[in-house]
PDB file of N, CA and C in Angstrom:
ATOM      1  N   MET A   1     -19.267  -6.755   1.959  1.00  0.00           N
ATOM      2  CA  MET A   1     -18.529  -5.692   2.311  1.00  0.00           C
ATOM      3  C   MET A   1     -19.738  -4.285   1.375  1.00  0.00           C
ATOM      4  N   THR A   2     -19.074  -3.296   1.970  1.00  0.00           N
ATOM      5  CA  THR A   2     -19.796  -2.270   0.941  1.00  0.00           C
ATOM      6  C   THR A   2     -18.936  -2.305  -0.309  1.00  0.00           C
ATOM      7  N   GLU A   3     -17.947  -1.796  -0.052  1.00  0.00           N
ATOM      8  CA  GLU A   3     -16.687  -1.417  -1.303  1.00  0.00           C
ATOM      9  C   GLU A   3     -16.760  -2.243  -2.165  1.00  0.00           C
ATOM     10  N   ASP A   4     -16.752  -1.955  -3.295  1.00  0.00           N
ATOM     11  CA  ASP A   4     -16.329  -2.883  -4.888  1.00  0.00           C
ATOM     12  C   ASP A   4     -15.006  -3.242  -4.882  1.00  0.00           C
ATOM     13  N   PRO A   5     -15.486  -4.423  -4.975  1.00  0.00           N
ATOM     14  CA  PRO A   5     -14.025  -5.246  -5.014  1.00  0.00           C
ATOM     15  C   PRO A   5     -13.488  -4.526  -6.114  1.00  0.00           C
ATOM     16  N   LYS A   6     -14.053  -4.396  -7.383  1.00  0.00           N
ATOM     17  CA  LYS A   6     -13.610  -4.274  -8.823  1.00  0.00           C
ATOM     18  C   LYS A   6     -13.148  -2.429  -8.529  1.00  0.00           C
ATOM     19  N   SER A   7     -13.340  -2.313  -8.011  1.00  0.00           N
ATOM     20  CA  SER A   7     -13.092  -0.631  -8.626  1.00  0.00           C
ATOM     21  C   SER A   7     -11.785  -0.019  -7.797  1.00  0.00           C
ATOM     22  N   ASN A   8     -11.663   0.669  -9.257  1.00  0.00           N
ATOM     23  CA  ASN A   8      -9.930   1.475  -8.888  1.00  0.00           C
ATOM     24  C   ASN A   8      -9.184   1.389  -7.969  1.00  0.00           C
ATOM     25  N   ILE A   9      -7.990   1.410  -7.571  1.00  0.00           N
ATOM     26  CA  ILE A   9      -7.179   1.100  -6.509  1.00  0.00           C
ATOM     27  C   ILE A   9      -6.937   2.385  -6.333  1.00  0.00           C
ATOM     28  N   LEU A  10      -7.331   3.530  -4.879  1.00  0.00           N
ATOM     29  CA  LEU A  10      -6.766   5.000  -5.155  1.00  0.00           C
ATOM     30  C   LEU A  10      -5.340   4.818  -4.505  1.00  0.00           C
ATOM     31  N   LYS A  11      -4.980   5.937  -5.088  1.00  0.00           N
ATOM     32  CA  LYS A  11      -3.242   6.370  -4.312  1.00  0.00           C
ATOM     33  C   LYS A  11      -3.109   6.161  -2.720  1.00  0.00           C
ATOM     34  N   GLU A  12      -4.110   6.160  -2.154  1.00  0.00           N
ATOM     35  CA  GLU A  12      -4.243   6.408  -0.941  1.00  0.00           C
ATOM     36  C   GLU A  12      -4.143   4.962  -0.309  1.00  0.00           C
ATOM     37  N   GLU A  13      -4.403   4.014  -0.434  1.00  0.00           N
ATOM     38  CA  GLU A  13      -5.246   2.616  -0.554  1.00  0.00           C
ATOM     39  C   GLU A  13      -3.585   2.077  -0.037  1.00  0.00           C
ATOM     40  N   ASN A  14      -3.125   1.058   0.927  1.00  0.00           N
ATOM     41  CA  ASN A  14      -2.589   0.240   1.112  1.00  0.00           C
ATOM     42  C   ASN A  14      -2.645  -0.903   0.929  1.00  0.00           C
ATOM     43  N   LEU A  15      -1.417  -1.578   0.426  1.00  0.00           N
ATOM     44  CA  LEU A  15      -2.078  -2.996  -0.314  1.00  0.00           C
ATOM     45  C   LEU A  15      -0.519  -3.988   0.498  1.00  0.00           C
ATOM     46  N   LEU A  16      -1.487  -4.946   0.793  1.00  0.00           N
ATOM     47  CA  LEU A  16      -0.387  -6.360   1.728  1.00  0.00           C
ATOM     48  C   LEU A  16      -0.086  -7.430   1.410  1.00  0.00           C
ATOM     49  N   ARG A  17       1.493  -7.385   1.111  1.00  0.00           N
ATOM     50  CA  ARG A  17       2.469  -8.303   0.666  1.00  0.00           C
ATOM     51  C   ARG A  17       2.325  -9.444   1.706  1.00  0.00           C
ATOM     52  N   ARG A  18       2.136 -10.752   1.467  1.00  0.00           N
ATOM     53  CA  ARG A  18       2.238 -11.261   2.497  1.00  0.00           C
ATOM     54  C   ARG A  18       3.463 -12.312   2.194  1.00  0.00           C
ATOM     55  N   VAL A  19       4.732 -12.079   3.200  1.00  0.00           N
ATOM     56  CA  VAL A  19       6.070 -12.706   2.869  1.00  0.00           C
ATOM     57  C   VAL A  19       6.345 -14.030   3.757  1.00  0.00           C
ATOM     58  N   THR A  20       6.788 -15.033   3.035  1.00  0.00           N
ATOM     59  CA  THR A  20       7.121 -16.376   4.240  1.00  0.00           C
ATOM     60  C   THR A  20       8.488 -16.069   5.000  1.00  0.00           C
ATOM     61  N   VAL A  21       8.460 -16.780   6.432  1.00  0.00           N
ATOM     62  CA  VAL A  21       9.267 -16.125   6.835  1.00  0.00           C
ATOM     63  C   VAL A  21      10.402 -17.292   6.833  1.00  0.00           C
ATOM     64  N   ASP A  22      11.149 -16.567   5.821  1.00  0.00           N
ATOM     65  CA  ASP A  22      12.416 -17.638   5.144  1.00  0.00           C
ATOM     66  C   ASP A  22      13.589 -16.834   5.063  1.00  0.00           C
ATOM     67  N   PRO A  23      14.879 -16.524   5.029  1.00  0.00           N
ATOM     68  CA  PRO A  23      16.260 -16.415   4.830  1.00  0.00           C
ATOM     69  C   PRO A  23      16.128 -15.514   3.689  1.00  0.00           C
ATOM     70  N   ASN A  24      15.701 -15.741   2.419  1.00  0.00           N
ATOM     71  CA  ASN A  24      15.758 -15.602   1.425  1.00  0.00           C
ATOM     72  C   ASN A  24      14.704 -14.374   1.378  1.00  0.00           C
ATOM     73  N   TYR A  25      13.846 -14.144   2.118  1.00  0.00           N
ATOM     74  CA  TYR A  25      12.541 -13.240   1.963  1.00  0.00           C
ATOM     75  C   TYR A  25      13.037 -12.516   3.092  1.00  0.00           C
ATOM     76  N   LEU A  26      13.461 -13.065   4.222  1.00  0.00           N
ATOM     77  CA  LEU A  26      13.533 -11.674   5.374  1.00  0.00           C
ATOM     78  C   LEU A  26      15.017 -11.489   6.017  1.00  0.00           C
ATOM     79  N   HIS A  27      15.752 -10.301   6.496  1.00  0.00           N
ATOM     80  CA  HIS A  27      17.030 -10.588   6.542  1.00  0.00           C
ATOM     81  C   HIS A  27      16.875 -10.553   7.874  1.00  0.00           C
ATOM     82  N   GLU A  28      18.036 -10.963   8.342  1.00  0.00           N
ATOM     83  CA  GLU A  28      17.877 -11.073   9.649  1.00  0.00           C
ATOM     84  C   GLU A  28      17.356  -9.594  10.418  1.00  0.00           C
ATOM     85  N   ASP A  29      16.690  -8.522  10.331  1.00  0.00           N
ATOM     86  CA  ASP A  29      16.438  -8.048  11.299  1.00  0.00           C
ATOM     87  C   ASP A  29      14.950  -7.642  11.235  1.00  0.00           C
ATOM     88  N   GLY A  30      14.398  -8.356  10.189  1.00  0.00           N
ATOM     89  CA  GLY A  30      12.704  -8.750   9.910  1.00  0.00           C
ATOM     90  C   GLY A  30      12.358  -7.669   8.412  1.00  0.00           C
ATOM     91  N   ARG A  31      13.283  -7.640   8.442  1.00  0.00           N
ATOM     92  CA  ARG A  31      12.836  -6.537   7.069  1.00  0.00           C
ATOM     93  C   ARG A  31      12.883  -7.478   5.578  1.00  0.00           C
ATOM     94  N   PRO A  32      11.737  -7.193   4.538  1.00  0.00           N
ATOM     95  CA  PRO A  32      11.775  -8.451   3.534  1.00  0.00           C
ATOM     96  C   PRO A  32      12.453  -7.448   2.708  1.00  0.00           C
ATOM     97  N   THR A  33      13.219  -8.960   2.288  1.00  0.00           N
ATOM     98  CA  THR A  33      14.747  -8.518   0.504  1.00  0.00           C
ATOM     99  C   THR A  33      13.332  -7.943  -0.250  1.00  0.00           C
ATOM    100  N   SER A  34      14.484  -7.596  -1.226  1.00  0.00           N
ATOM    101  CA  SER A  34      13.728  -7.535  -2.525  1.00  0.00           C
ATOM    102  C   SER A  34      13.168  -8.488  -3.315  1.00  0.00           C
ATOM    103  N   LEU A  35      13.599  -9.867  -2.885  1.00  0.00           N
ATOM    104  CA  LEU A  35      13.021 -10.590  -2.739  1.00  0.00           C
ATOM    105  C   LEU A  35      11.752 -11.441  -2.895  1.00  0.00           C
ATOM    106  N   ALA A  36      10.909 -10.731  -1.763  1.00  0.00           N
ATOM    107  CA  ALA A  36       9.757 -10.685  -1.245  1.00  0.00           C
ATOM    108  C   ALA A  36       8.841 -10.026  -2.019  1.00  0.00           C
ATOM    109  N   PHE A  37       9.246  -8.877  -2.504  1.00  0.00           N
ATOM    110  CA  PHE A  37       8.313  -8.334  -3.734  1.00  0.00           C
ATOM    111  C   PHE A  37       8.789  -8.233  -5.033  1.00  0.00           C
ATOM    112  N   ARG A  38       8.966  -9.298  -5.612  1.00  0.00           N
ATOM    113  CA  ARG A  38       9.313  -9.886  -6.930  1.00  0.00           C
ATOM    114  C   ARG A  38       8.378 -11.079  -7.406  1.00  0.00           C
ATOM    115  N   PRO A  39       7.853 -11.478  -8.417  1.00  0.00           N
ATOM    116  CA  PRO A  39       6.759 -12.436  -8.517  1.00  0.00           C
ATOM    117  C   PRO A  39       7.893 -13.188  -8.772  1.00  0.00           C
ATOM    118  N   ARG A  40       6.719 -14.697  -8.286  1.00  0.00           N
ATOM    119  CA  ARG A  40       7.599 -15.967  -8.752  1.00  0.00           C
ATOM    120  C   ARG A  40       7.375 -16.544 -10.200  1.00  0.00           C
ATOM    121  N   PRO A  41       8.171 -17.398 -10.804  1.00  0.00           N
ATOM    122  CA  PRO A  41       8.049 -17.453 -12.020  1.00  0.00           C
ATOM    123  C   PRO A  41       7.099 -18.084 -12.636  1.00  0.00           C
ATOM    124  N   SER A  42       6.018 -18.564 -11.572  1.00  0.00           N
ATOM    125  CA  SER A  42       4.160 -19.090 -11.570  1.00  0.00           C
ATOM    126  C   SER A  42       3.432 -17.501 -11.338  1.00  0.00           C
ATOM    127  N   ASP A  43       3.843 -17.001 -11.186  1.00  0.00           N
ATOM    128  CA  ASP A  43       2.825 -15.708 -11.158  1.00  0.00           C
ATOM    129  C   ASP A  43       3.054 -15.078 -12.414  1.00  0.00           C
ATOM    130  N   GLN A  44       3.423 -15.224 -13.358  1.00  0.00           N
ATOM    131  CA  GLN A  44       2.841 -14.802 -14.893  1.00  0.00           C
ATOM    132  C   GLN A  44       3.739 -12.914 -14.586  1.00  0.00           C
ATOM    133  N   GLY A  45       4.891 -12.408 -13.786  1.00  0.00           N
ATOM    134  CA  GLY A  45       5.552 -11.052 -14.081  1.00  0.00           C
ATOM    135  C   GLY A  45       4.443 -10.663 -13.633  1.00  0.00           C
ATOM    136  N   LYS A  46       3.626 -10.733 -11.981  1.00  0.00           N
ATOM    137  CA  LYS A  46       2.449  -9.769 -11.398  1.00  0.00           C
ATOM    138  C   LYS A  46       2.626 -10.175  -9.862  1.00  0.00           C
ATOM    139  N   LEU A  47       2.683  -9.280  -9.231  1.00  0.00           N
ATOM    140  CA  LEU A  47       2.427  -9.318  -7.841  1.00  0.00           C
ATOM    141  C   LEU A  47       1.344  -9.620  -6.854  1.00  0.00           C
ATOM    142  N   SER A  48       1.296 -10.367  -6.399  1.00  0.00           N
ATOM    143  CA  SER A  48      -0.034 -11.135  -6.107  1.00  0.00           C
ATOM    144  C   SER A  48      -0.106 -10.193  -4.635  1.00  0.00           C
ATOM    145  N   VAL A  49      -1.143  -9.484  -4.090  1.00  0.00           N
ATOM    146  CA  VAL A  49      -1.588  -8.382  -2.560  1.00  0.00           C
ATOM    147  C   VAL A  49      -2.620  -8.579  -2.520  1.00  0.00           C
ATOM    148  N   ASP A  50      -2.490  -8.372  -1.504  1.00  0.00           N
ATOM    149  CA  ASP A  50      -4.619  -8.214  -1.062  1.00  0.00           C
ATOM    150  C   ASP A  50      -5.035  -6.073  -0.604  1.00  0.00           C
ATOM    151  N   ARG A  51      -6.168  -5.836  -1.117  1.00  0.00           N
ATOM    152  CA  ARG A  51      -6.420  -4.714  -1.185  1.00  0.00           C
ATOM    153  C   ARG A  51      -6.747  -4.143   0.975  1.00  0.00           C
ATOM    154  N   GLN A  52      -5.634  -3.974   1.496  1.00  0.00           N
ATOM    155  CA  GLN A  52      -5.929  -3.386   2.734  1.00  0.00           C
ATOM    156  C   GLN A  52      -7.607  -3.174   3.713  1.00  0.00           C
ATOM    157  N   LYS A  53      -8.477  -1.921   2.513  1.00  0.00           N
ATOM    158  CA  LYS A  53      -9.572  -1.287   3.479  1.00  0.00           C
ATOM    159  C   LYS A  53     -10.450  -2.762   2.960  1.00  0.00           C
ATOM    160  N   LEU A  54     -10.087  -3.958   2.163  1.00  0.00           N
ATOM    161  CA  LEU A  54     -11.357  -4.866   1.982  1.00  0.00           C
ATOM    162  C   LEU A  54     -11.461  -6.235   2.509  1.00  0.00           C
ATOM    163  N   THR A  55     -10.046  -6.227   3.333  1.00  0.00           N
ATOM    164  CA  THR A  55      -9.573  -7.242   4.281  1.00  0.00           C
ATOM    165  C   THR A  55      -9.227  -7.148   5.377  1.00  0.00           C
ATOM    166  N   THR A  56      -9.345  -8.266   6.513  1.00  0.00           N
ATOM    167  CA  THR A  56      -8.720  -8.234   8.507  1.00  0.00           C
ATOM    168  C   THR A  56      -7.109  -9.140   8.031  1.00  0.00           C
ATOM    169  N   PHE A  57      -6.612  -8.745   8.793  1.00  0.00           N
ATOM    170  CA  PHE A  57      -5.074  -9.391   9.495  1.00  0.00           C
ATOM    171  C   PHE A  57      -5.394 -10.532   9.419  1.00  0.00           C
ATOM    172  N   GLU A  58      -6.122 -11.046  10.003  1.00  0.00           N
ATOM    173  CA  GLU A  58      -6.247 -13.014   9.795  1.00  0.00           C
ATOM    174  C   GLU A  58      -6.420 -13.179   8.354  1.00  0.00           C
ATOM    175  N   ARG A  59      -7.449 -12.417   7.536  1.00  0.00           N
ATOM    176  CA  ARG A  59      -7.385 -13.170   6.651  1.00  0.00           C
ATOM    177  C   ARG A  59      -6.556 -12.404   5.520  1.00  0.00           C
ATOM    178  N   ALA A  60      -5.653 -12.393   6.151  1.00  0.00           N
ATOM    179  CA  ALA A  60      -4.272 -11.734   4.996  1.00  0.00           C
ATOM    180  C   ALA A  60      -3.073 -12.104   5.439  1.00  0.00           C
ATOM    181  N   VAL A  61      -2.872 -11.863   6.394  1.00  0.00           N
ATOM    182  CA  VAL A  61      -1.732 -13.114   6.688  1.00  0.00           C
ATOM    183  C   VAL A  61      -1.823 -14.879   6.696  1.00  0.00           C
ATOM    184  N   VAL A  62      -2.869 -15.491   6.905  1.00  0.00           N
ATOM    185  CA  VAL A  62      -2.745 -16.869   6.758  1.00  0.00           C
ATOM    186  C   VAL A  62      -2.937 -16.808   8.225  1.00  0.00           C
ATOM    187  N   SER A  63      -1.445 -16.960   8.543  1.00  0.00           N
ATOM    188  CA  SER A  63      -0.456 -17.527   9.576  1.00  0.00           C
ATOM    189  C   SER A  63       0.406 -17.118   9.980  1.00  0.00           C
ATOM    190  N   LYS A  64       0.319 -15.961  11.337  1.00  0.00           N
ATOM    191  CA  LYS A  64       1.321 -15.321  12.183  1.00  0.00           C
ATOM    192  C   LYS A  64       3.168 -16.668  12.259  1.00  0.00           C
ATOM    193  N   GLU A  65       2.831 -17.618  12.330  1.00  0.00           N
ATOM    194  CA  GLU A  65       3.617 -18.364  12.491  1.00  0.00           C
ATOM    195  C   GLU A  65       4.435 -18.683  11.159  1.00  0.00           C
ATOM    196  N   LYS A  66       3.764 -18.896  10.206  1.00  0.00           N
ATOM    197  CA  LYS A  66       4.733 -19.279   8.788  1.00  0.00           C
ATOM    198  C   LYS A  66       5.052 -17.899   8.275  1.00  0.00           C
ATOM    199  N   TYR A  67       4.141 -16.814   8.129  1.00  0.00           N
ATOM    200  CA  TYR A  67       4.505 -15.636   7.289  1.00  0.00           C
ATOM    201  C   TYR A  67       4.409 -14.142   7.855  1.00  0.00           C
ATOM    202  N   ARG A  68       5.349 -13.043   7.384  1.00  0.00           N
ATOM    203  CA  ARG A  68       4.574 -11.528   8.433  1.00  0.00           C
ATOM    204  C   ARG A  68       3.829 -11.178   6.500  1.00  0.00           C
ATOM    205  N   LEU A  69       3.486  -9.575   6.908  1.00  0.00           N
ATOM    206  CA  LEU A  69       2.676  -9.218   6.373  1.00  0.00           C
ATOM    207  C   LEU A  69       2.722  -7.664   6.341  1.00  0.00           C
ATOM    208  N   PHE A  70       3.416  -6.939   5.359  1.00  0.00           N
ATOM    209  CA  PHE A  70       3.462  -5.925   4.957  1.00  0.00           C
ATOM    210  C   PHE A  70       2.630  -4.955   3.443  1.00  0.00           C
ATOM    211  N   ALA A  71       3.134  -3.994   4.090  1.00  0.00           N
ATOM    212  CA  ALA A  71       1.667  -3.173   3.630  1.00  0.00           C
ATOM    213  C   ALA A  71       2.697  -1.710   2.378  1.00  0.00           C
ATOM    214  N   ILE A  72       2.056  -1.404   1.360  1.00  0.00           N
ATOM    215  CA  ILE A  72       2.714  -0.869   0.369  1.00  0.00           C
ATOM    216  C   ILE A  72       2.321  -0.035  -0.119  1.00  0.00           C
ATOM    217  N   ASN A  73       2.529   1.338   0.266  1.00  0.00           N
ATOM    218  CA  ASN A  73       1.501   2.496  -0.467  1.00  0.00           C
ATOM    219  C   ASN A  73       1.335   2.881  -1.936  1.00  0.00           C
ATOM    220  N   ALA A  74      -0.071   2.329  -2.266  1.00  0.00           N
ATOM    221  CA  ALA A  74      -0.246   2.124  -3.484  1.00  0.00           C
ATOM    222  C   ALA A  74       0.146   3.606  -4.715  1.00  0.00           C
ATOM    223  N   GLY A  75       0.094   4.315  -3.712  1.00  0.00           N
ATOM    224  CA  GLY A  75       0.310   5.678  -4.422  1.00  0.00           C
ATOM    225  C   GLY A  75       2.369   5.669  -4.759  1.00  0.00           C
ATOM    226  N   PHE A  76       2.952   5.187  -3.826  1.00  0.00           N
ATOM    227  CA  PHE A  76       4.649   5.172  -3.616  1.00  0.00           C
ATOM    228  C   PHE A  76       4.622   4.182  -5.080  1.00  0.00           C
ATOM    229  N   ALA A  77       3.650   3.000  -4.826  1.00  0.00           N
ATOM    230  CA  ALA A  77       3.845   2.189  -6.217  1.00  0.00           C
ATOM    231  C   ALA A  77       3.357   2.779  -7.695  1.00  0.00           C
ATOM    232  N   PHE A  78       2.339   3.888  -7.340  1.00  0.00           N
ATOM    233  CA  PHE A  78       2.183   4.368  -8.982  1.00  0.00           C
ATOM    234  C   PHE A  78       3.245   5.370  -9.776  1.00  0.00           C
ATOM    235  N   GLN A  79       3.912   5.950  -8.522  1.00  0.00           N
ATOM    236  CA  GLN A  79       4.865   6.877  -8.101  1.00  0.00           C
ATOM    237  C   GLN A  79       5.781   5.795  -8.749  1.00  0.00           C
ATOM    238  N   CYS A  80       6.657   4.935  -8.459  1.00  0.00           N
ATOM    239  CA  CYS A  80       8.075   3.858  -9.283  1.00  0.00           C
ATOM    240  C   CYS A  80       7.512   3.019 -10.643  1.00  0.00           C
ATOM    241  N   GLY A  81       6.517   3.473 -10.667  1.00  0.00           N
ATOM    242  CA  GLY A  81       5.814   3.271 -12.296  1.00  0.00           C
ATOM    243  C   GLY A  81       5.053   1.784 -12.718  1.00  0.00           C
ATOM    244  N   PHE A  82       4.853   1.566 -10.888  1.00  0.00           N
ATOM    245  CA  PHE A  82       3.866   0.037 -10.937  1.00  0.00           C
ATOM    246  C   PHE A  82       2.807   0.680 -12.047  1.00  0.00           C
ATOM    247  N   THR A  83       1.308  -0.572 -11.738  1.00  0.00           N
ATOM    248  CA  THR A  83       0.086  -0.733 -12.199  1.00  0.00           C
ATOM    249  C   THR A  83      -0.844  -1.344 -10.796  1.00  0.00           C
ATOM    250  N   CYS A  84      -1.546  -1.218 -10.478  1.00  0.00           N
ATOM    251  CA  CYS A  84      -2.061  -1.541  -9.490  1.00  0.00           C
ATOM    252  C   CYS A  84      -3.690  -2.096  -9.683  1.00  0.00           C
ATOM    253  N   LEU A  85      -4.004  -2.718 -10.058  1.00  0.00           N
ATOM    254  CA  LEU A  85      -4.696  -3.555 -10.302  1.00  0.00           C
ATOM    255  C   LEU A  85      -5.541  -4.396  -9.513  1.00  0.00           C
ATOM    256  N   PRO A  86      -7.192  -4.421  -8.438  1.00  0.00           N
ATOM    257  CA  PRO A  86      -8.115  -5.058  -8.445  1.00  0.00           C
ATOM    258  C   PRO A  86      -8.413  -6.578  -9.046  1.00  0.00           C
ATOM    259  N   ASN A  87      -7.984  -7.855  -8.797  1.00  0.00           N
ATOM    260  CA  ASN A  87      -8.709  -8.900  -9.587  1.00  0.00           C
ATOM    261  C   ASN A  87      -8.540  -9.896  -8.027  1.00  0.00           C
ATOM    262  N   PRO A  88      -9.957  -9.621  -7.825  1.00  0.00           N
ATOM    263  CA  PRO A  88     -10.960 -10.268  -7.028  1.00  0.00           C
ATOM    264  C   PRO A  88     -11.278 -11.796  -7.853  1.00  0.00           C
ATOM    265  N   ILE A  89     -10.887 -13.107  -6.642  1.00  0.00           N
ATOM    266  CA  ILE A  89     -10.451 -14.196  -6.587  1.00  0.00           C
ATOM    267  C   ILE A  89     -11.683 -14.754  -5.908  1.00  0.00           C
ATOM    268  N   PRO A  90     -12.018 -16.279  -6.236  1.00  0.00           N
ATOM    269  CA  PRO A  90     -13.221 -16.878  -5.581  1.00  0.00           C
ATOM    270  C   PRO A  90     -12.515 -17.448  -4.368  1.00  0.00           C
ATOM    271  N   GLY A  91     -13.177 -16.413  -3.225  1.00  0.00           N
ATOM    272  CA  GLY A  91     -13.105 -16.187  -1.555  1.00  0.00           C
ATOM    273  C   GLY A  91     -11.693 -15.410  -1.428  1.00  0.00           C
ATOM    274  N   ASN A  92     -11.612 -14.205  -2.053  1.00  0.00           N
ATOM    275  CA  ASN A  92     -10.558 -13.207  -1.776  1.00  0.00           C
ATOM    276  C   ASN A  92     -11.474 -12.289  -2.345  1.00  0.00           C
ATOM    277  N   ASP A  93     -11.765 -11.498  -1.943  1.00  0.00           N
ATOM    278  CA  ASP A  93     -12.711  -9.947  -2.587  1.00  0.00           C
ATOM    279  C   ASP A  93     -11.633  -8.929  -2.834  1.00  0.00           C
ATOM    280  N   ALA A  94     -10.647  -9.222  -1.596  1.00  0.00           N
ATOM    281  CA  ALA A  94      -9.237  -8.611  -1.788  1.00  0.00           C
ATOM    282  C   ALA A  94      -7.951  -8.604  -2.538  1.00  0.00           C
ATOM    283  N   HIS A  95      -8.008  -9.532  -3.361  1.00  0.00           N
ATOM    284  CA  HIS A  95      -7.035  -9.563  -4.073  1.00  0.00           C
ATOM    285  C   HIS A  95      -6.817  -8.446  -5.221  1.00  0.00           C
ATOM    286  N   ALA A  96      -5.430  -8.035  -5.524  1.00  0.00           N
ATOM    287  CA  ALA A  96      -5.290  -7.056  -6.294  1.00  0.00           C
ATOM    288  C   ALA A  96      -3.851  -7.703  -7.284  1.00  0.00           C
ATOM    289  N   LEU A  97      -3.256  -7.296  -8.055  1.00  0.00           N
ATOM    290  CA  LEU A  97      -1.898  -7.608  -8.565  1.00  0.00           C
ATOM    291  C   LEU A  97      -1.341  -6.424  -8.888  1.00  0.00           C
ATOM    292  N   ILE A  98       0.019  -6.046  -9.029  1.00  0.00           N
ATOM    293  CA  ILE A  98       1.042  -5.496  -9.190  1.00  0.00           C
ATOM    294  C   ILE A  98       1.934  -5.545 -10.486  1.00  0.00           C
ATOM    295  N   GLU A  99       2.156  -5.152 -11.418  1.00  0.00           N
ATOM    296  CA  GLU A  99       2.818  -5.413 -12.550  1.00  0.00           C
ATOM    297  C   GLU A  99       3.621  -3.796 -12.532  1.00  0.00           C
ATOM    298  N   GLY A 100       4.742  -4.290 -13.287  1.00  0.00           N
ATOM    299  CA  GLY A 100       5.783  -3.698 -13.262  1.00  0.00           C
ATOM    300  C   GLY A 100       7.525  -4.403 -13.787  1.00  0.00           C
ATOM    301  N   ASP A 101       8.547  -3.093 -13.929  1.00  0.00           N
ATOM    302  CA  ASP A 101       9.606  -3.609 -13.697  1.00  0.00           C
ATOM    303  C   ASP A 101       9.924  -4.079 -12.250  1.00  0.00           C
ATOM    304  N   PHE A 102       9.892  -5.256 -11.888  1.00  0.00           N
ATOM    305  CA  PHE A 102      10.599  -5.530 -10.436  1.00  0.00           C
ATOM    306  C   PHE A 102      12.076  -5.806 -10.140  1.00  0.00           C
ATOM    307  N   LYS A 103      12.424  -6.078 -11.303  1.00  0.00           N
ATOM    308  CA  LYS A 103      13.454  -6.668 -11.507  1.00  0.00           C
ATOM    309  C   LYS A 103      14.645  -5.215 -10.737  1.00  0.00           C
ATOM    310  N   LYS A 104      14.088  -3.660 -11.410  1.00  0.00           N
ATOM    311  CA  LYS A 104      14.764  -2.620 -11.285  1.00  0.00           C
ATOM    312  C   LYS A 104      13.757  -1.618 -10.493  1.00  0.00           C
ATOM    313  N   LYS A 105      12.405  -2.140 -10.370  1.00  0.00           N
ATOM    314  CA  LYS A 105      12.162  -1.338  -8.519  1.00  0.00           C
ATOM    315  C   LYS A 105      11.867  -2.336  -7.442  1.00  0.00           C
ATOM    316  N   GLY A 106      11.669  -3.789  -7.942  1.00  0.00           N
ATOM    317  CA  GLY A 106      11.472  -4.644  -6.653  1.00  0.00           C
ATOM    318  C   GLY A 106      11.626  -3.786  -5.170  1.00  0.00           C
ATOM    319  N   LYS A 107      13.177  -3.376  -5.258  1.00  0.00           N
ATOM    320  CA  LYS A 107      13.639  -3.867  -4.383  1.00  0.00           C
ATOM    321  C   LYS A 107      13.440  -1.553  -3.352  1.00  0.00           C
ATOM    322  N   GLN A 108      12.849  -0.900  -4.165  1.00  0.00           N
ATOM    323  CA  GLN A 108      11.949   0.445  -3.571  1.00  0.00           C
ATOM    324  C   GLN A 108      10.930   0.060  -2.983  1.00  0.00           C
ATOM    325  N   LEU A 109      10.401  -1.248  -3.493  1.00  0.00           N
ATOM    326  CA  LEU A 109       8.808  -1.772  -2.754  1.00  0.00           C
ATOM    327  C   LEU A 109       9.596  -2.600  -1.548  1.00  0.00           C
ATOM    328  N   SER A 110      10.032  -3.527  -1.413  1.00  0.00           N
ATOM    329  CA  SER A 110      10.729  -3.030  -0.308  1.00  0.00           C
ATOM    330  C   SER A 110      11.137  -2.710   0.465  1.00  0.00           C
ATOM    331  N   GLN A 111      12.171  -1.547   0.505  1.00  0.00           N
ATOM    332  CA  GLN A 111      12.205  -0.326   1.219  1.00  0.00           C
ATOM    333  C   GLN A 111      11.137   0.504   1.925  1.00  0.00           C
ATOM    334  N   SER A 112      10.667   0.218   0.952  1.00  0.00           N
ATOM    335  CA  SER A 112       9.390   1.578   1.698  1.00  0.00           C
ATOM    336  C   SER A 112       7.617   1.029   1.875  1.00  0.00           C
ATOM    337  N   SER A 113       7.856  -0.471   2.418  1.00  0.00           N
ATOM    338  CA  SER A 113       7.171  -1.539   2.487  1.00  0.00           C
ATOM    339  C   SER A 113       7.052  -1.895   4.423  1.00  0.00           C
ATOM    340  N   ILE A 114       6.089  -1.419   4.850  1.00  0.00           N
ATOM    341  CA  ILE A 114       5.824  -1.838   6.732  1.00  0.00           C
ATOM    342  C   ILE A 114       5.717  -2.708   7.150  1.00  0.00           C
ATOM    343  N   GLU A 115       5.907  -3.429   8.069  1.00  0.00           N
ATOM    344  CA  GLU A 115       5.721  -4.543   8.983  1.00  0.00           C
ATOM    345  C   GLU A 115       4.156  -4.060   9.629  1.00  0.00           C
ATOM    346  N   ILE A 116       3.175  -5.204   9.067  1.00  0.00           N
ATOM    347  CA  ILE A 116       1.992  -4.558   9.901  1.00  0.00           C
ATOM    348  C   ILE A 116       2.002  -6.193  11.144  1.00  0.00           C
ATOM    349  N   LYS A 117       2.034  -5.679  12.016  1.00  0.00           N
ATOM    350  CA  LYS A 117       1.665  -6.945  13.114  1.00  0.00           C
ATOM    351  C   LYS A 117       0.748  -7.422  13.758  1.00  0.00           C
ATOM    352  N   ASN A 118      -0.756  -6.244  13.867  1.00  0.00           N
ATOM    353  CA  ASN A 118      -1.624  -6.860  13.790  1.00  0.00           C
ATOM    354  C   ASN A 118      -2.974  -5.959  13.139  1.00  0.00           C
ATOM    355  N   GLN A 119      -4.325  -6.285  13.814  1.00  0.00           N
ATOM    356  CA  GLN A 119      -4.786  -5.104  12.331  1.00  0.00           C
ATOM    357  C   GLN A 119      -4.792  -3.778  13.132  1.00  0.00           C
ATOM    358  N   TRP A 120      -5.409  -3.384  11.417  1.00  0.00           N
ATOM    359  CA  TRP A 120      -4.307  -2.470  11.300  1.00  0.00           C
ATOM    360  C   TRP A 120      -4.306  -1.532  12.274  1.00  0.00           C
ATOM    361  N   GLU A 121      -3.134  -0.942  13.065  1.00  0.00           N
ATOM    362  CA  GLU A 121      -2.497  -0.123  13.170  1.00  0.00           C
ATOM    363  C   GLU A 121      -2.372   1.053  13.004  1.00  0.00           C
TER     364      GLU A 121
END
């Protein structure tokens, strides 16, 4: 890839959240619950996402049977008071983290997210 995976996240970027197909994380109509946009206790208060411009649908979703993929605009996350940081890890240069007050603002992230069903619609 030509992009530096450590470069700052721009407000124009989309961040991708993989959500487990589970009633705790998806409403019956397929919309994500606010729980889908809250870190788990093991996540140390940070939400794991991928930078859309640095990955593919297949890499980000891992398994269409087990997960759904939702995009969040980084600019919207910034407006809600979140910090978005690149966090490349071995095997995933697109990995990033969202930090902030998920108890107060996580619902806004879930409501603003858009499901991605295939390679960048």
